[in-house]
N, C-alpha and C. Protein backbone atom coordinates (compact mmCIF):
# COMPACT_ATOMS: atom_id res chain seq x y z
N MET A 1 97.94 64.55 109.31
CA MET A 1 98.64 64.64 108.02
C MET A 1 99.54 63.90 108.20
N PRO A 2 100.29 62.33 107.23
CA PRO A 2 101.40 62.56 106.91
C PRO A 2 102.45 62.93 106.64
N HIS A 3 103.52 62.79 107.13
CA HIS A 3 105.10 63.61 106.46
C HIS A 3 105.44 62.98 105.10
N ALA A 4 106.00 64.13 104.57
CA ALA A 4 106.15 63.79 103.63
C ALA A 4 108.16 62.80 103.27
N ASP A 5 108.08 62.06 102.09
CA ASP A 5 109.08 61.32 102.34
C ASP A 5 110.09 62.19 101.70
N GLN A 6 110.58 62.81 101.15
CA GLN A 6 111.55 63.88 100.71
C GLN A 6 110.86 65.57 100.59
N VAL A 7 111.54 66.46 100.41
CA VAL A 7 111.38 67.84 100.35
C VAL A 7 112.22 68.18 99.45
N ARG A 8 111.75 69.34 98.55
CA ARG A 8 112.41 70.69 97.47
C ARG A 8 112.72 71.36 97.85
N ASN A 9 113.43 71.60 97.12
CA ASN A 9 113.61 73.25 97.33
C ASN A 9 112.29 74.20 97.01
N HIS A 10 111.90 75.27 98.17
CA HIS A 10 111.01 75.94 98.17
C HIS A 10 110.85 76.57 96.54
N THR A 11 109.86 77.30 95.86
CA THR A 11 109.65 77.97 94.61
C THR A 11 108.53 78.67 94.36
N ARG A 12 107.66 78.52 95.63
CA ARG A 12 106.21 79.16 95.30
C ARG A 12 106.71 80.63 95.53
N TRP A 13 106.47 81.67 95.23
CA TRP A 13 105.03 81.37 94.13
C TRP A 13 105.34 81.06 92.67
N ARG A 14 105.48 81.48 91.46
CA ARG A 14 105.12 81.35 90.13
C ARG A 14 107.22 81.10 89.73
N THR A 15 106.86 79.74 88.52
CA THR A 15 108.33 80.08 87.58
C THR A 15 108.73 81.53 87.28
N ASP A 16 107.83 82.87 87.31
CA ASP A 16 108.00 83.88 87.34
C ASP A 16 108.14 84.72 87.55
N TRP A 17 108.38 84.29 88.99
CA TRP A 17 109.16 85.06 90.35
C TRP A 17 110.38 85.58 89.62
N HIS A 18 110.83 86.69 90.37
CA HIS A 18 111.69 87.30 90.65
C HIS A 18 112.12 88.26 91.66
N ALA A 19 113.48 88.82 91.50
CA ALA A 19 113.53 89.88 92.30
C ALA A 19 113.15 91.06 92.14
N GLY A 20 112.65 92.05 93.14
CA GLY A 20 111.94 92.97 93.35
C GLY A 20 110.68 93.42 92.58
N ARG A 21 109.88 92.03 92.11
CA ARG A 21 108.54 91.75 91.71
C ARG A 21 107.24 91.50 92.71
N THR A 22 106.90 91.98 92.61
CA THR A 22 105.76 91.81 93.64
C THR A 22 104.39 91.07 93.28
N GLY A 23 103.53 90.68 93.81
CA GLY A 23 102.35 90.15 93.71
C GLY A 23 100.91 90.25 94.69
N TYR A 24 100.18 90.93 94.33
CA TYR A 24 98.84 90.48 95.25
C TYR A 24 98.19 89.23 95.21
N ALA A 25 98.48 89.83 97.02
CA ALA A 25 97.52 87.86 97.42
C ALA A 25 96.91 87.80 98.82
N TRP A 26 95.82 87.18 99.30
CA TRP A 26 95.03 87.28 100.28
C TRP A 26 95.81 86.49 101.23
N VAL A 27 95.91 87.05 102.32
CA VAL A 27 96.17 85.94 103.40
C VAL A 27 95.68 86.56 104.82
N LEU A 28 96.39 84.97 105.86
CA LEU A 28 95.60 85.59 106.98
C LEU A 28 96.63 85.98 107.96
N PRO A 29 97.17 87.32 108.36
CA PRO A 29 97.91 87.12 108.87
C PRO A 29 97.78 86.81 110.93
N LEU A 30 99.07 86.25 111.03
CA LEU A 30 98.87 85.13 112.37
C LEU A 30 99.60 85.42 113.25
N ALA A 31 100.60 86.71 113.32
CA ALA A 31 101.97 87.13 114.30
C ALA A 31 101.31 87.29 115.41
N ASP A 32 99.78 87.97 115.52
CA ASP A 32 99.38 88.68 116.36
C ASP A 32 99.29 87.72 117.57
N GLN A 33 98.97 86.22 116.86
CA GLN A 33 98.31 84.99 118.12
C GLN A 33 99.53 84.54 119.07
N SER A 34 99.72 84.96 120.57
CA SER A 34 100.50 84.42 121.41
C SER A 34 100.85 82.82 121.33
N GLY A 35 99.28 82.41 121.19
CA GLY A 35 99.62 80.37 122.03
C GLY A 35 100.29 79.95 120.70
N LEU A 36 100.43 81.14 119.54
CA LEU A 36 100.57 80.00 118.29
C LEU A 36 102.43 81.13 118.07
N ARG A 37 102.80 81.60 118.48
CA ARG A 37 103.91 82.29 118.12
C ARG A 37 105.04 81.21 119.18
N LYS A 38 104.11 80.83 120.27
CA LYS A 38 105.21 80.52 121.43
C LYS A 38 104.87 78.85 120.67
N LEU A 39 104.24 78.45 120.09
CA LEU A 39 103.90 76.47 119.42
C LEU A 39 105.08 77.15 118.57
N VAL A 40 105.17 77.69 117.51
CA VAL A 40 106.02 78.37 116.47
C VAL A 40 107.33 78.37 116.64
N ASN A 41 107.36 79.39 118.10
CA ASN A 41 108.97 79.35 118.33
C ASN A 41 109.47 78.36 119.00
N ASP A 42 108.76 77.37 119.90
CA ASP A 42 109.09 76.15 120.46
C ASP A 42 109.69 74.82 119.38
N TYR A 43 108.56 75.21 118.54
CA TYR A 43 109.84 74.25 117.05
C TYR A 43 110.58 74.49 116.44
N GLN A 44 110.58 76.28 116.40
CA GLN A 44 111.90 76.53 115.62
C GLN A 44 113.24 76.53 116.27
N TYR A 45 112.98 76.70 117.77
CA TYR A 45 113.91 76.31 118.77
C TYR A 45 114.70 75.14 118.50
N ALA A 46 113.74 73.97 118.30
CA ALA A 46 114.30 73.09 118.29
C ALA A 46 115.11 72.44 116.44
N LEU A 47 114.18 73.31 115.39
CA LEU A 47 115.15 73.65 114.57
C LEU A 47 116.48 74.93 113.93
N ARG A 48 116.84 75.11 114.66
CA ARG A 48 117.56 76.00 114.57
C ARG A 48 118.86 75.43 114.19
N ASP A 49 119.42 74.42 114.67
CA ASP A 49 120.27 73.73 113.69
C ASP A 49 120.19 72.21 112.93
N LEU A 50 119.33 72.57 112.44
CA LEU A 50 118.46 71.34 110.99
C LEU A 50 119.35 71.95 110.15
N PRO A 51 119.82 71.82 108.94
CA PRO A 51 120.55 72.16 107.07
C PRO A 51 119.80 72.07 107.10
N GLY A 52 119.16 72.83 105.30
CA GLY A 52 118.73 72.97 104.44
C GLY A 52 117.54 73.69 104.62
N PHE A 53 117.09 74.78 105.56
CA PHE A 53 115.90 74.72 105.90
C PHE A 53 116.01 76.38 106.66
N ASP A 54 115.52 76.88 105.83
CA ASP A 54 115.12 78.49 106.68
C ASP A 54 113.66 78.81 107.58
N LEU A 55 113.77 79.09 108.20
CA LEU A 55 113.49 79.35 108.93
C LEU A 55 112.43 80.48 109.09
N VAL A 56 110.89 80.87 109.44
CA VAL A 56 110.45 81.69 109.21
C VAL A 56 110.20 82.27 110.02
N PRO A 57 110.29 84.08 110.29
CA PRO A 57 110.67 84.77 111.05
C PRO A 57 108.65 85.12 111.58
N LEU A 58 108.54 85.41 112.87
CA LEU A 58 107.83 85.27 113.79
C LEU A 58 106.50 86.44 113.66
N GLU A 59 107.69 87.23 112.56
CA GLU A 59 106.38 88.45 112.43
C GLU A 59 105.08 88.47 110.59
N TRP A 60 106.16 87.54 110.18
CA TRP A 60 105.76 86.99 108.71
C TRP A 60 104.86 85.43 108.65
N MET A 61 104.55 84.88 110.17
CA MET A 61 103.41 84.23 110.49
C MET A 61 102.35 84.56 110.02
N HIS A 62 102.20 83.92 108.58
CA HIS A 62 100.86 83.65 107.90
C HIS A 62 100.24 82.28 107.38
N ILE A 63 98.50 82.22 106.85
CA ILE A 63 98.42 81.62 106.04
C ILE A 63 97.72 82.19 104.15
N LEU A 64 98.82 81.65 103.09
CA LEU A 64 98.41 82.01 102.14
C LEU A 64 97.00 81.46 101.36
N VAL A 65 96.48 82.53 101.54
CA VAL A 65 94.46 81.58 100.58
C VAL A 65 94.78 81.70 99.67
N GLN A 66 95.05 82.69 98.85
CA GLN A 66 94.52 82.80 97.20
C GLN A 66 96.08 84.25 97.13
N GLU A 67 96.32 83.54 96.03
CA GLU A 67 97.20 84.32 95.23
C GLU A 67 96.22 85.21 93.83
N ILE A 68 96.38 86.25 93.87
CA ILE A 68 95.66 86.88 92.66
C ILE A 68 96.64 87.39 91.44
N GLY A 69 97.75 87.84 91.79
CA GLY A 69 98.69 88.06 90.49
C GLY A 69 99.41 89.03 90.63
N PHE A 70 100.64 88.85 89.53
CA PHE A 70 101.76 90.07 89.97
C PHE A 70 100.93 91.43 90.05
N THR A 71 101.45 92.25 90.47
CA THR A 71 101.32 94.07 90.40
C THR A 71 102.08 94.31 89.45
N ASP A 72 102.63 93.99 88.41
CA ASP A 72 102.85 94.61 86.97
C ASP A 72 101.68 94.43 86.10
N GLU A 73 100.60 92.66 86.65
CA GLU A 73 99.78 92.68 85.36
C GLU A 73 98.33 92.58 85.80
N VAL A 74 97.96 92.85 86.94
CA VAL A 74 97.13 93.49 87.81
C VAL A 74 96.83 95.28 87.62
N ASP A 75 95.99 95.56 87.25
CA ASP A 75 95.87 96.76 87.40
C ASP A 75 95.50 97.42 88.76
N GLU A 76 96.18 98.64 89.24
CA GLU A 76 95.46 99.04 90.55
C GLU A 76 94.60 99.35 91.08
N SER A 77 93.99 99.99 89.38
CA SER A 77 91.90 99.99 89.58
C SER A 77 91.41 99.41 89.39
N GLN A 78 92.12 98.31 89.40
CA GLN A 78 91.01 96.82 89.98
C GLN A 78 91.13 96.21 91.20
N VAL A 79 92.29 96.96 92.18
CA VAL A 79 91.82 96.42 93.37
C VAL A 79 90.70 96.80 94.70
N GLU A 80 90.23 98.45 94.36
CA GLU A 80 89.04 98.82 95.05
C GLU A 80 87.43 97.54 94.22
N PRO A 81 87.41 97.68 93.06
CA PRO A 81 86.61 96.69 92.64
C PRO A 81 86.81 95.58 93.25
N LEU A 82 87.84 94.89 93.81
CA LEU A 82 87.81 92.91 93.83
C LEU A 82 87.84 93.29 95.36
N LEU A 83 88.59 94.27 96.30
CA LEU A 83 87.41 94.92 98.05
C LEU A 83 85.82 94.43 97.82
N GLU A 84 85.47 94.97 96.91
CA GLU A 84 83.99 95.10 97.09
C GLU A 84 83.12 94.55 96.58
N ALA A 85 83.81 93.42 95.43
CA ALA A 85 83.31 92.60 95.51
C ALA A 85 83.40 90.99 96.52
N THR A 86 84.77 91.64 97.09
CA THR A 86 84.87 89.89 98.19
C THR A 86 83.94 90.37 99.57
N ARG A 87 83.79 91.39 100.13
CA ARG A 87 83.21 92.50 101.13
C ARG A 87 82.14 91.64 101.75
N PRO A 88 81.17 91.51 100.65
CA PRO A 88 79.62 90.38 100.49
C PRO A 88 79.85 88.94 101.27
N LYS A 89 81.06 88.67 100.53
CA LYS A 89 81.31 86.99 100.30
C LYS A 89 81.57 87.19 102.13
N LEU A 90 82.95 87.66 102.47
CA LEU A 90 83.12 86.62 103.66
C LEU A 90 82.28 87.51 104.71
N ALA A 91 81.36 88.99 104.48
CA ALA A 91 80.73 88.76 105.36
C ALA A 91 79.60 87.51 106.08
N GLU A 92 79.62 86.70 104.90
CA GLU A 92 78.39 85.39 105.07
C GLU A 92 79.62 83.98 105.46
N ILE A 93 80.98 84.27 105.77
CA ILE A 93 81.42 83.92 106.39
C ILE A 93 82.39 84.11 108.29
N MET A 94 81.52 83.72 109.40
CA MET A 94 82.15 83.76 110.86
C MET A 94 83.35 84.19 110.97
N PRO A 95 83.66 84.77 111.07
CA PRO A 95 85.50 84.65 112.24
C PRO A 95 85.23 83.12 112.39
N LEU A 96 87.16 82.95 112.46
CA LEU A 96 87.68 81.70 112.45
C LEU A 96 88.20 81.22 113.90
N THR A 97 88.49 80.28 114.28
CA THR A 97 88.98 79.82 115.59
C THR A 97 90.10 78.30 115.27
N LEU A 98 90.79 78.38 114.62
CA LEU A 98 92.03 77.84 114.33
C LEU A 98 92.85 76.53 115.36
N ALA A 99 92.59 75.71 115.29
CA ALA A 99 94.02 75.21 116.12
C ALA A 99 95.10 74.99 115.26
N PHE A 100 95.75 74.91 115.92
CA PHE A 100 97.56 73.93 115.75
C PHE A 100 98.06 72.71 116.04
N HIS A 101 98.36 72.14 116.14
CA HIS A 101 98.69 70.68 116.75
C HIS A 101 100.20 70.56 116.21
N HIS A 102 100.40 69.54 115.98
CA HIS A 102 101.48 68.73 115.85
C HIS A 102 102.36 69.30 114.42
N ALA A 103 103.27 69.33 113.74
CA ALA A 103 103.93 70.31 112.80
C ALA A 103 104.12 69.41 112.23
N VAL A 104 104.34 69.28 110.76
CA VAL A 104 104.66 68.24 110.17
C VAL A 104 105.65 68.23 108.56
N VAL A 105 106.02 67.73 108.02
CA VAL A 105 106.84 67.97 107.32
C VAL A 105 106.50 67.50 105.62
N LEU A 106 105.82 68.82 104.90
CA LEU A 106 104.99 69.01 103.24
C LEU A 106 106.88 69.00 102.81
N PRO A 107 106.14 69.08 101.32
CA PRO A 107 106.76 68.68 100.41
C PRO A 107 108.31 69.99 100.32
N GLU A 108 107.65 71.36 100.77
CA GLU A 108 108.46 72.24 100.26
C GLU A 108 108.38 73.14 102.38
N SER A 109 108.23 72.15 102.78
CA SER A 109 107.74 72.96 104.46
C SER A 109 107.79 71.99 105.15
N LEU A 110 108.45 72.68 106.70
CA LEU A 110 107.86 72.04 108.00
C LEU A 110 106.40 72.75 108.59
N SER A 111 105.28 72.82 108.45
CA SER A 111 104.61 73.36 108.32
C SER A 111 103.40 72.82 109.70
N LEU A 112 102.54 73.81 110.48
CA LEU A 112 101.61 73.53 111.25
C LEU A 112 100.09 73.04 110.67
N PRO A 113 99.55 72.19 109.85
CA PRO A 113 98.38 72.27 109.36
C PRO A 113 97.17 72.77 110.28
N ALA A 114 96.46 73.61 110.15
CA ALA A 114 95.21 74.61 110.28
C ALA A 114 93.85 73.69 110.38
N GLU A 115 93.82 73.72 111.81
CA GLU A 115 91.96 72.74 112.17
C GLU A 115 91.61 73.90 112.36
N PRO A 116 90.01 73.69 112.21
CA PRO A 116 89.42 72.64 110.49
C PRO A 116 90.01 73.25 109.23
N GLN A 117 90.39 72.62 108.37
CA GLN A 117 91.33 72.66 107.20
C GLN A 117 89.34 73.37 106.22
N SER A 118 88.60 73.34 106.62
CA SER A 118 87.88 73.44 105.60
C SER A 118 87.41 74.38 105.85
N SER A 119 87.72 75.27 106.74
CA SER A 119 87.52 76.79 107.04
C SER A 119 88.65 77.65 105.95
N VAL A 120 89.62 76.83 105.87
CA VAL A 120 90.96 77.63 105.31
C VAL A 120 90.02 77.87 103.67
N LEU A 121 90.09 76.54 103.41
CA LEU A 121 88.91 75.99 101.95
C LEU A 121 87.95 77.08 101.75
N ASP A 122 86.78 77.75 102.49
CA ASP A 122 85.68 78.40 102.22
C ASP A 122 86.36 79.42 102.16
N LEU A 123 87.17 80.16 102.78
CA LEU A 123 87.17 81.30 102.61
C LEU A 123 88.47 81.21 101.19
N ARG A 124 89.20 80.58 100.92
CA ARG A 124 89.78 80.69 99.18
C ARG A 124 88.51 80.59 98.53
N ALA A 125 87.40 79.18 98.28
CA ALA A 125 86.96 79.68 97.50
C ALA A 125 85.73 80.90 97.60
N ALA A 126 85.59 81.76 98.36
CA ALA A 126 84.46 82.83 98.05
C ALA A 126 85.61 84.52 97.03
N VAL A 127 87.38 83.78 97.90
CA VAL A 127 88.05 85.27 96.85
C VAL A 127 87.89 84.48 96.04
N ARG A 128 88.20 83.40 95.18
CA ARG A 128 88.41 82.80 94.34
C ARG A 128 87.12 83.40 93.56
N GLU A 129 85.89 83.27 93.69
CA GLU A 129 84.70 84.02 93.34
C GLU A 129 85.25 84.80 92.72
N ALA A 130 85.30 85.94 93.94
CA ALA A 130 85.46 87.50 93.96
C ALA A 130 86.49 87.60 92.75
N THR A 131 87.00 87.03 92.64
CA THR A 131 88.81 87.42 91.77
C THR A 131 88.09 87.28 90.35
N SER A 132 87.27 86.21 90.06
CA SER A 132 86.76 85.40 88.76
C SER A 132 85.59 86.57 88.56
N GLU A 133 84.70 87.30 89.15
CA GLU A 133 84.23 87.79 89.24
C GLU A 133 84.69 89.63 88.46
N VAL A 134 85.75 89.84 88.81
CA VAL A 134 86.28 91.59 88.74
C VAL A 134 87.41 91.04 87.55
N LEU A 135 88.24 90.17 87.65
CA LEU A 135 89.30 89.66 86.68
C LEU A 135 89.10 88.75 85.48
N GLY A 136 87.79 88.01 85.53
CA GLY A 136 87.55 86.89 84.76
C GLY A 136 88.39 85.80 85.52
N ALA A 137 87.61 84.28 84.87
CA ALA A 137 87.77 83.26 85.42
C ALA A 137 89.77 82.82 85.08
N ASP A 138 89.72 82.99 83.68
CA ASP A 138 91.14 82.65 83.39
C ASP A 138 92.46 83.54 84.10
N ALA A 139 92.01 84.29 84.88
CA ALA A 139 92.91 85.50 85.19
C ALA A 139 92.80 84.51 87.11
N VAL A 140 92.59 84.21 87.32
CA VAL A 140 92.51 83.32 88.14
C VAL A 140 93.66 82.31 88.29
N PRO A 141 94.71 82.51 89.58
CA PRO A 141 95.50 81.29 89.33
C PRO A 141 95.41 79.96 90.14
N SER A 142 96.14 79.38 88.86
CA SER A 142 95.22 77.59 89.59
C SER A 142 95.86 77.19 90.62
N GLU A 143 95.00 76.61 91.16
CA GLU A 143 95.06 75.51 92.20
C GLU A 143 97.03 75.08 92.69
N PRO A 144 98.07 75.43 93.42
CA PRO A 144 99.27 74.47 93.21
C PRO A 144 98.53 72.90 93.81
N GLU A 145 100.04 72.04 94.03
CA GLU A 145 99.54 70.90 94.39
C GLU A 145 99.30 71.29 96.02
N ASP A 146 100.06 71.46 96.40
CA ASP A 146 100.31 71.49 97.62
C ASP A 146 99.11 72.93 98.78
N ILE A 147 97.92 72.52 98.14
CA ILE A 147 97.51 73.95 98.79
C ILE A 147 97.75 74.40 99.96
N ASP A 148 97.56 76.24 100.44
CA ASP A 148 98.41 76.17 101.43
C ASP A 148 97.09 76.02 102.87
N LYS A 149 97.03 75.13 103.84
CA LYS A 149 96.03 75.31 105.06
C LYS A 149 97.05 75.00 106.39
N HIS A 150 98.05 75.66 106.03
CA HIS A 150 98.68 75.63 107.63
C HIS A 150 99.56 76.76 107.45
N VAL A 151 99.90 76.92 108.52
CA VAL A 151 101.45 77.58 108.81
C VAL A 151 102.37 77.68 108.52
N SER A 152 103.38 78.36 107.92
CA SER A 152 104.79 77.32 107.04
C SER A 152 105.71 77.63 108.85
N LEU A 153 106.83 76.85 109.24
CA LEU A 153 107.77 77.21 110.07
C LEU A 153 109.01 77.31 109.36
N ALA A 154 109.53 76.64 108.63
CA ALA A 154 110.38 76.65 108.02
C ALA A 154 110.17 76.44 106.30
N HIS A 155 110.95 76.86 105.44
CA HIS A 155 111.19 76.45 103.96
C HIS A 155 112.06 75.12 103.51
N SER A 156 112.02 74.57 102.77
CA SER A 156 113.59 73.64 102.54
C SER A 156 114.19 74.49 101.21
N THR A 157 115.55 74.78 101.68
CA THR A 157 116.20 75.20 100.54
C THR A 157 117.03 73.89 99.55
N THR A 158 116.77 72.54 100.09
CA THR A 158 117.53 71.99 98.96
C THR A 158 116.32 70.98 98.36
N ASP A 159 116.77 69.51 98.02
CA ASP A 159 116.09 68.62 97.86
C ASP A 159 117.12 67.33 98.47
N GLY A 160 115.63 66.42 98.98
CA GLY A 160 116.70 65.39 99.72
C GLY A 160 115.97 64.68 100.85
N PRO A 161 116.50 63.90 101.11
CA PRO A 161 115.35 63.06 102.08
C PRO A 161 114.81 63.84 103.44
N ALA A 162 113.43 63.23 103.74
CA ALA A 162 112.86 64.26 105.06
C ALA A 162 113.10 63.75 106.08
N ILE A 163 113.89 62.88 106.37
CA ILE A 163 114.23 61.85 107.56
C ILE A 163 114.95 62.94 108.87
N PHE A 164 115.68 63.25 108.37
CA PHE A 164 116.13 64.30 109.68
C PHE A 164 115.18 65.51 110.51
N ALA A 165 114.43 65.71 109.34
CA ALA A 165 113.38 66.98 109.75
C ALA A 165 112.01 65.45 110.28
N ILE A 166 111.77 64.83 109.97
CA ILE A 166 110.81 64.53 110.74
C ILE A 166 111.14 63.68 111.94
N ALA A 167 112.33 63.66 112.47
CA ALA A 167 113.25 62.88 114.33
C ALA A 167 113.13 63.79 114.68
N THR A 168 113.34 65.36 114.13
CA THR A 168 113.38 66.59 114.90
C THR A 168 112.01 67.06 115.80
N LEU A 169 111.26 67.14 114.19
CA LEU A 169 110.20 67.35 114.86
C LEU A 169 109.11 66.71 115.59
N GLN A 170 109.35 65.27 115.58
CA GLN A 170 108.42 64.07 116.21
C GLN A 170 109.06 63.91 118.20
N ALA A 171 110.50 64.50 118.04
CA ALA A 171 111.44 64.86 119.22
C ALA A 171 111.06 66.28 120.24
N THR A 172 110.61 67.24 119.47
CA THR A 172 109.89 68.39 119.98
C THR A 172 108.03 68.24 120.87
N GLN A 173 108.91 68.72 122.12
CA GLN A 173 107.48 68.30 122.80
C GLN A 173 106.71 69.38 122.77
N VAL A 174 105.25 70.23 122.17
CA VAL A 174 105.25 71.59 122.48
C VAL A 174 103.50 71.20 122.93
N GLU A 175 102.77 71.91 123.11
CA GLU A 175 101.28 72.42 123.77
C GLU A 175 100.45 72.58 122.15
N SER A 176 99.39 72.26 121.76
CA SER A 176 98.48 73.12 120.71
C SER A 176 97.89 74.51 121.25
N ALA A 177 97.79 75.06 119.87
CA ALA A 177 97.61 76.27 120.46
C ALA A 177 96.51 76.77 119.45
N THR A 178 95.58 77.67 119.10
CA THR A 178 94.29 78.10 118.94
C THR A 178 94.43 79.81 118.38
N ALA A 179 93.64 80.18 117.36
CA ALA A 179 93.90 81.39 116.87
C ALA A 179 92.59 81.64 116.43
N LYS A 180 92.32 83.38 117.11
CA LYS A 180 90.72 84.11 116.57
C LYS A 180 91.61 84.71 115.41
N VAL A 181 90.40 84.42 114.21
CA VAL A 181 91.26 85.02 113.07
C VAL A 181 89.30 85.98 112.69
N SER A 182 88.97 87.13 112.71
CA SER A 182 88.39 88.06 112.46
C SER A 182 88.28 88.84 110.89
N ALA A 183 89.11 89.30 110.01
CA ALA A 183 89.43 89.36 109.26
C ALA A 183 90.81 88.89 108.20
N LEU A 184 90.75 89.12 107.09
CA LEU A 184 91.54 88.81 105.59
C LEU A 184 91.94 90.12 105.35
N SER A 185 93.48 89.73 105.13
CA SER A 185 94.13 90.91 104.20
C SER A 185 94.27 90.77 102.99
N LEU A 186 94.24 92.09 102.42
CA LEU A 186 94.55 91.61 100.70
C LEU A 186 95.94 92.42 101.09
N VAL A 187 97.00 92.22 100.18
CA VAL A 187 98.01 92.11 100.63
C VAL A 187 99.44 92.52 99.20
N LYS A 188 100.40 93.28 99.40
CA LYS A 188 101.53 92.99 98.33
C LYS A 188 102.52 92.01 98.33
N MET A 189 102.40 91.35 98.41
CA MET A 189 103.94 90.35 98.78
C MET A 189 104.77 90.63 98.01
N SER A 190 106.09 90.29 98.28
CA SER A 190 107.54 90.05 98.20
C SER A 190 108.22 88.68 98.62
N ARG A 191 108.97 88.23 97.81
CA ARG A 191 109.97 87.41 97.99
C ARG A 191 111.64 88.23 98.25
N ASP A 192 111.35 89.29 97.99
CA ASP A 192 113.40 89.05 97.68
C ASP A 192 114.27 88.98 98.98
N HIS A 193 113.43 88.58 100.05
CA HIS A 193 114.41 87.88 100.84
C HIS A 193 114.15 86.47 101.53
N SER A 194 114.37 85.40 102.37
CA SER A 194 114.50 84.14 102.58
C SER A 194 112.71 84.16 102.36
N SER A 195 112.11 84.68 103.34
CA SER A 195 110.66 84.50 103.71
C SER A 195 109.73 85.50 102.67
N THR A 196 108.24 85.43 103.05
CA THR A 196 107.71 86.00 101.94
C THR A 196 107.50 86.95 102.72
N GLU A 197 106.86 88.23 102.97
CA GLU A 197 106.95 89.42 103.02
C GLU A 197 106.47 89.91 103.08
N TRP A 198 105.00 91.40 103.19
CA TRP A 198 104.24 92.18 102.34
C TRP A 198 103.60 93.12 103.13
N GLU A 199 102.93 94.20 102.22
CA GLU A 199 102.62 95.26 102.70
C GLU A 199 101.04 95.41 102.89
N THR A 200 100.48 95.85 103.82
CA THR A 200 99.25 95.44 103.67
C THR A 200 98.56 96.94 102.96
N ILE A 201 97.57 95.94 102.30
CA ILE A 201 96.15 97.16 101.23
C ILE A 201 95.28 97.53 101.90
N ALA A 202 94.45 96.09 102.42
CA ALA A 202 93.21 96.26 103.47
C ALA A 202 93.00 95.22 104.22
N GLU A 203 92.06 95.39 105.33
CA GLU A 203 91.64 94.03 105.92
C GLU A 203 90.02 93.75 105.84
N VAL A 204 88.99 93.38 104.99
CA VAL A 204 88.40 92.37 104.82
C VAL A 204 87.81 92.01 106.30
N PRO A 205 86.39 92.40 107.16
CA PRO A 205 86.57 91.61 107.74
C PRO A 205 85.19 90.40 107.62
N LEU A 206 85.36 89.71 108.94
CA LEU A 206 84.57 88.34 108.87
C LEU A 206 83.24 88.42 109.17
N GLY A 207 82.53 88.33 108.80
CA GLY A 207 80.63 88.27 109.61
C GLY A 207 80.49 90.00 109.61
N GLY A 208 81.14 90.49 108.16
CA GLY A 208 80.00 91.81 108.52
C GLY A 208 80.39 92.76 109.42
């Protein structure tokens, strides 16, 4: 995956996000993956003095699979039907083994792409279908410009050239890592601090 030439201030979720507002989302939490933690830690140590980026705390390592909606727009009574619609779809997807190699500069982050990326896209398709069945097709958030198929090491806090970030990543010696993922988490996500945080509502196993 090629590096982006420029970075911009990290703005995800959506433009109407504000402090104190929370949203439902499906994520793959990865903080318990020891090999991935070491890989991320090695990169973050090299990035510690690079201006213009906020490092993502290891405890919040994840892949954002699908946004659902803000908690003040999606009624809490719809959570259980959403889980019931999602369970049989994820039962058809076997637990994942994801590989992480070299970090890249993306437009809003420094990230580790997950391989195979098709595995994350299959998960996204399954939960989007379930969400559409419960909330209606118009309620499913549109796909972002940069679909998340990666673990973020750091988020950009400014706009500008990516040349120094690229040089830092390329100069860092790391060992590849794998992560074994057996469940997807429905979470209540917040952005009150510099990185995404969440409260887990439920875990849905892969492969039944």
